[in-house]
Amino acid sequence: MKKTKEFIKRNIAGEIVLVPSGQTAQDFNGMISLTETGEFIWEHIEETRDFHHLIQLILDEYEVDRDTASQDASIFIMQLLEAGMIRPTGINW
């Protein structure tokens, strides 16, 4: 996956948020609050070769079962895709 929007990750009062910058700030009004897992996905999404690789990184980092990791990651990635924040970079995505 490739990030397509310009966001800066910030810790505001203990909450991790993505704040739009550059042209994105003109087009996107507001901030996006991230869970710990959402932050992990955002930080690693561009280095993963496919969805299964991302799930394995999550399983290596957190004590969670594969089904839960897959379901939660799938929902979050779909939200990022629908918002135009990421785009697939290959057939495995």
N, C-alpha and C. Protein backbone atom coordinates (compact mmCIF):
# COMPACT_ATOMS: atom_id res chain seq x y z
N MET A 1 0.84 -1.18 0.00
CA MET A 1 0.00 0.00 0.00
C MET A 1 0.89 1.24 0.00
N LYS A 2 0.34 2.29 -0.50
CA LYS A 2 1.03 3.57 -0.54
C LYS A 2 0.14 4.63 0.09
N LYS A 3 0.70 5.41 0.99
CA LYS A 3 -0.05 6.53 1.57
C LYS A 3 -0.21 7.59 0.49
N THR A 4 -1.42 8.12 0.33
CA THR A 4 -1.68 9.09 -0.72
C THR A 4 -1.99 10.47 -0.20
N LYS A 5 -2.24 10.58 1.05
CA LYS A 5 -2.54 11.88 1.65
C LYS A 5 -1.42 12.26 2.61
N GLU A 6 -1.27 13.55 2.82
CA GLU A 6 -0.23 14.04 3.71
C GLU A 6 -0.81 14.21 5.11
N PHE A 7 -0.40 13.33 6.01
CA PHE A 7 -0.82 13.42 7.40
C PHE A 7 0.40 13.34 8.29
N ILE A 8 0.36 14.09 9.36
CA ILE A 8 1.41 14.06 10.37
C ILE A 8 0.82 13.41 11.60
N LYS A 9 1.52 12.42 12.13
CA LYS A 9 1.06 11.74 13.35
C LYS A 9 1.48 12.57 14.56
N ARG A 10 0.54 12.84 15.44
CA ARG A 10 0.80 13.63 16.64
C ARG A 10 0.19 12.96 17.86
N ASN A 11 0.82 13.20 18.99
CA ASN A 11 0.26 12.77 20.28
C ASN A 11 -0.30 14.03 20.93
N ILE A 12 -1.61 14.10 21.02
CA ILE A 12 -2.27 15.27 21.61
C ILE A 12 -3.01 14.81 22.86
N ALA A 13 -2.52 15.25 23.99
CA ALA A 13 -3.11 14.91 25.29
C ALA A 13 -3.26 13.40 25.46
N GLY A 14 -2.23 12.65 25.02
CA GLY A 14 -2.24 11.21 25.17
C GLY A 14 -3.00 10.46 24.09
N GLU A 15 -3.56 11.17 23.13
CA GLU A 15 -4.30 10.53 22.04
C GLU A 15 -3.50 10.67 20.75
N ILE A 16 -3.35 9.57 20.02
CA ILE A 16 -2.62 9.60 18.75
C ILE A 16 -3.59 10.00 17.65
N VAL A 17 -3.24 11.04 16.92
CA VAL A 17 -4.10 11.54 15.84
C VAL A 17 -3.27 11.77 14.58
N LEU A 18 -3.94 11.69 13.45
CA LEU A 18 -3.35 12.08 12.17
C LEU A 18 -3.91 13.44 11.82
N VAL A 19 -3.01 14.39 11.59
CA VAL A 19 -3.39 15.76 11.28
C VAL A 19 -3.01 16.03 9.83
N PRO A 20 -3.94 16.51 9.01
CA PRO A 20 -3.62 16.77 7.61
C PRO A 20 -2.63 17.91 7.46
N SER A 21 -1.79 17.81 6.44
CA SER A 21 -0.83 18.88 6.15
C SER A 21 -0.79 19.10 4.64
N GLY A 22 -0.13 20.17 4.24
CA GLY A 22 -0.02 20.47 2.81
C GLY A 22 -1.37 20.61 2.14
N GLN A 23 -1.49 20.12 0.92
CA GLN A 23 -2.74 20.19 0.17
C GLN A 23 -3.84 19.42 0.86
N THR A 24 -3.50 18.36 1.55
CA THR A 24 -4.50 17.56 2.26
C THR A 24 -5.25 18.40 3.27
N ALA A 25 -4.57 19.35 3.90
CA ALA A 25 -5.23 20.21 4.89
C ALA A 25 -6.32 21.07 4.23
N GLN A 26 -6.16 21.38 2.95
CA GLN A 26 -7.17 22.14 2.22
C GLN A 26 -8.40 21.29 1.91
N ASP A 27 -8.17 20.00 1.69
CA ASP A 27 -9.23 19.10 1.27
C ASP A 27 -9.89 18.33 2.42
N PHE A 28 -9.20 18.19 3.52
CA PHE A 28 -9.66 17.35 4.62
C PHE A 28 -9.81 18.21 5.87
N ASN A 29 -11.00 18.25 6.40
CA ASN A 29 -11.27 19.07 7.58
C ASN A 29 -11.34 18.18 8.80
N GLY A 30 -10.42 18.34 9.73
CA GLY A 30 -10.45 17.57 10.97
C GLY A 30 -9.19 16.75 11.17
N MET A 31 -9.27 15.84 12.13
CA MET A 31 -8.18 14.94 12.47
C MET A 31 -8.75 13.53 12.55
N ILE A 32 -7.86 12.56 12.51
CA ILE A 32 -8.26 11.17 12.63
C ILE A 32 -7.60 10.60 13.88
N SER A 33 -8.40 10.09 14.77
CA SER A 33 -7.91 9.47 16.00
C SER A 33 -7.59 8.01 15.73
N LEU A 34 -6.45 7.55 16.23
CA LEU A 34 -6.02 6.17 16.00
C LEU A 34 -5.96 5.38 17.29
N THR A 35 -6.34 4.10 17.20
CA THR A 35 -6.09 3.18 18.29
C THR A 35 -4.62 2.79 18.22
N GLU A 36 -4.15 2.05 19.20
CA GLU A 36 -2.76 1.60 19.19
C GLU A 36 -2.49 0.72 17.96
N THR A 37 -3.42 -0.16 17.65
CA THR A 37 -3.26 -1.02 16.48
C THR A 37 -3.36 -0.21 15.19
N GLY A 38 -4.27 0.75 15.14
CA GLY A 38 -4.39 1.62 13.98
C GLY A 38 -3.09 2.37 13.73
N GLU A 39 -2.48 2.86 14.78
CA GLU A 39 -1.19 3.54 14.65
C GLU A 39 -0.13 2.59 14.10
N PHE A 40 -0.12 1.36 14.61
CA PHE A 40 0.84 0.36 14.14
C PHE A 40 0.65 0.10 12.65
N ILE A 41 -0.60 -0.08 12.22
CA ILE A 41 -0.88 -0.31 10.81
C ILE A 41 -0.43 0.89 9.97
N TRP A 42 -0.78 2.10 10.41
CA TRP A 42 -0.39 3.30 9.67
C TRP A 42 1.12 3.39 9.51
N GLU A 43 1.85 3.05 10.56
CA GLU A 43 3.31 3.13 10.53
C GLU A 43 3.94 2.06 9.64
N HIS A 44 3.28 0.93 9.47
CA HIS A 44 3.89 -0.19 8.74
C HIS A 44 3.24 -0.50 7.39
N ILE A 45 2.19 0.18 7.02
CA ILE A 45 1.42 -0.16 5.83
C ILE A 45 2.27 -0.12 4.55
N GLU A 46 3.20 0.80 4.45
CA GLU A 46 3.98 0.93 3.22
C GLU A 46 5.10 -0.10 3.12
N GLU A 47 5.49 -0.70 4.22
CA GLU A 47 6.58 -1.67 4.17
C GLU A 47 6.08 -3.11 4.00
N THR A 48 4.78 -3.32 4.07
CA THR A 48 4.26 -4.67 3.93
C THR A 48 4.02 -5.00 2.46
N ARG A 49 4.26 -6.25 2.10
CA ARG A 49 4.11 -6.65 0.71
C ARG A 49 2.69 -7.08 0.37
N ASP A 50 1.93 -7.48 1.40
CA ASP A 50 0.54 -7.87 1.18
C ASP A 50 -0.19 -7.91 2.53
N PHE A 51 -1.48 -8.19 2.47
CA PHE A 51 -2.30 -8.21 3.68
C PHE A 51 -1.80 -9.25 4.68
N HIS A 52 -1.41 -10.42 4.19
CA HIS A 52 -0.96 -11.49 5.08
C HIS A 52 0.31 -11.10 5.82
N HIS A 53 1.19 -10.38 5.15
CA HIS A 53 2.41 -9.90 5.79
C HIS A 53 2.07 -8.90 6.91
N LEU A 54 1.13 -8.01 6.64
CA LEU A 54 0.68 -7.06 7.66
C LEU A 54 0.11 -7.79 8.87
N ILE A 55 -0.71 -8.79 8.63
CA ILE A 55 -1.30 -9.55 9.73
C ILE A 55 -0.21 -10.23 10.54
N GLN A 56 0.80 -10.77 9.88
CA GLN A 56 1.89 -11.41 10.61
C GLN A 56 2.64 -10.40 11.48
N LEU A 57 2.85 -9.19 10.97
CA LEU A 57 3.49 -8.15 11.79
C LEU A 57 2.64 -7.83 13.03
N ILE A 58 1.33 -7.76 12.85
CA ILE A 58 0.43 -7.50 13.98
C ILE A 58 0.52 -8.63 14.99
N LEU A 59 0.50 -9.87 14.51
CA LEU A 59 0.58 -11.03 15.40
C LEU A 59 1.91 -11.07 16.16
N ASP A 60 2.97 -10.63 15.50
CA ASP A 60 4.29 -10.58 16.16
C ASP A 60 4.34 -9.50 17.23
N GLU A 61 3.57 -8.44 17.05
CA GLU A 61 3.60 -7.29 17.97
C GLU A 61 2.61 -7.41 19.13
N TYR A 62 1.44 -7.98 18.86
CA TYR A 62 0.36 -7.99 19.85
C TYR A 62 -0.09 -9.41 20.16
N GLU A 63 -0.62 -9.59 21.33
CA GLU A 63 -1.20 -10.88 21.72
C GLU A 63 -2.66 -10.89 21.29
N VAL A 64 -2.88 -11.32 20.06
CA VAL A 64 -4.21 -11.35 19.46
C VAL A 64 -4.26 -12.55 18.53
N ASP A 65 -5.45 -13.13 18.36
CA ASP A 65 -5.56 -14.26 17.45
C ASP A 65 -5.65 -13.77 16.01
N ARG A 66 -5.34 -14.64 15.07
CA ARG A 66 -5.28 -14.29 13.65
C ARG A 66 -6.62 -13.77 13.13
N ASP A 67 -7.73 -14.40 13.53
CA ASP A 67 -9.04 -13.97 13.03
C ASP A 67 -9.37 -12.55 13.46
N THR A 68 -9.10 -12.22 14.73
CA THR A 68 -9.36 -10.87 15.23
C THR A 68 -8.46 -9.86 14.53
N ALA A 69 -7.18 -10.19 14.41
CA ALA A 69 -6.25 -9.29 13.73
C ALA A 69 -6.68 -9.05 12.29
N SER A 70 -7.06 -10.10 11.59
CA SER A 70 -7.48 -9.98 10.19
C SER A 70 -8.73 -9.14 10.05
N GLN A 71 -9.71 -9.40 10.91
CA GLN A 71 -10.98 -8.67 10.82
C GLN A 71 -10.78 -7.19 11.13
N ASP A 72 -10.07 -6.89 12.21
CA ASP A 72 -9.86 -5.49 12.60
C ASP A 72 -9.01 -4.74 11.57
N ALA A 73 -7.95 -5.38 11.09
CA ALA A 73 -7.09 -4.74 10.09
C ALA A 73 -7.85 -4.51 8.79
N SER A 74 -8.65 -5.46 8.40
CA SER A 74 -9.44 -5.33 7.17
C SER A 74 -10.39 -4.14 7.24
N ILE A 75 -11.07 -3.99 8.36
CA ILE A 75 -11.99 -2.87 8.54
C ILE A 75 -11.24 -1.54 8.47
N PHE A 76 -10.12 -1.45 9.16
CA PHE A 76 -9.35 -0.20 9.19
C PHE A 76 -8.79 0.12 7.80
N ILE A 77 -8.26 -0.87 7.11
CA ILE A 77 -7.71 -0.64 5.78
C ILE A 77 -8.81 -0.19 4.82
N MET A 78 -9.98 -0.79 4.92
CA MET A 78 -11.10 -0.36 4.06
C MET A 78 -11.46 1.10 4.33
N GLN A 79 -11.43 1.51 5.59
CA GLN A 79 -11.71 2.91 5.92
C GLN A 79 -10.65 3.83 5.31
N LEU A 80 -9.39 3.43 5.37
CA LEU A 80 -8.32 4.23 4.77
C LEU A 80 -8.48 4.30 3.25
N LEU A 81 -8.83 3.18 2.64
CA LEU A 81 -9.05 3.16 1.19
C LEU A 81 -10.22 4.06 0.80
N GLU A 82 -11.33 3.94 1.52
CA GLU A 82 -12.52 4.75 1.21
C GLU A 82 -12.26 6.24 1.38
N ALA A 83 -11.39 6.59 2.33
CA ALA A 83 -11.04 8.00 2.55
C ALA A 83 -9.98 8.48 1.57
N GLY A 84 -9.45 7.58 0.75
CA GLY A 84 -8.42 7.95 -0.21
C GLY A 84 -7.07 8.19 0.43
N MET A 85 -6.86 7.65 1.62
CA MET A 85 -5.61 7.88 2.34
C MET A 85 -4.51 6.91 1.93
N ILE A 86 -4.89 5.77 1.37
CA ILE A 86 -3.94 4.80 0.86
C ILE A 86 -4.46 4.27 -0.47
N ARG A 87 -3.55 3.65 -1.23
CA ARG A 87 -3.96 3.00 -2.47
C ARG A 87 -3.13 1.73 -2.62
N PRO A 88 -3.71 0.70 -3.25
CA PRO A 88 -2.97 -0.54 -3.48
C PRO A 88 -1.78 -0.30 -4.41
N THR A 89 -0.71 -1.04 -4.17
CA THR A 89 0.48 -0.88 -5.01
C THR A 89 0.78 -2.13 -5.82
N GLY A 90 -0.01 -3.17 -5.65
CA GLY A 90 0.23 -4.41 -6.40
C GLY A 90 -0.98 -5.31 -6.36
N ILE A 91 -0.90 -6.41 -7.05
CA ILE A 91 -2.04 -7.31 -7.14
C ILE A 91 -2.33 -8.03 -5.82
N ASN A 92 -1.36 -8.11 -4.94
CA ASN A 92 -1.57 -8.78 -3.66
C ASN A 92 -2.30 -7.90 -2.66
N TRP A 93 -2.51 -6.67 -3.00
CA TRP A 93 -3.29 -5.79 -2.13
C TRP A 93 -4.60 -5.59 -2.80
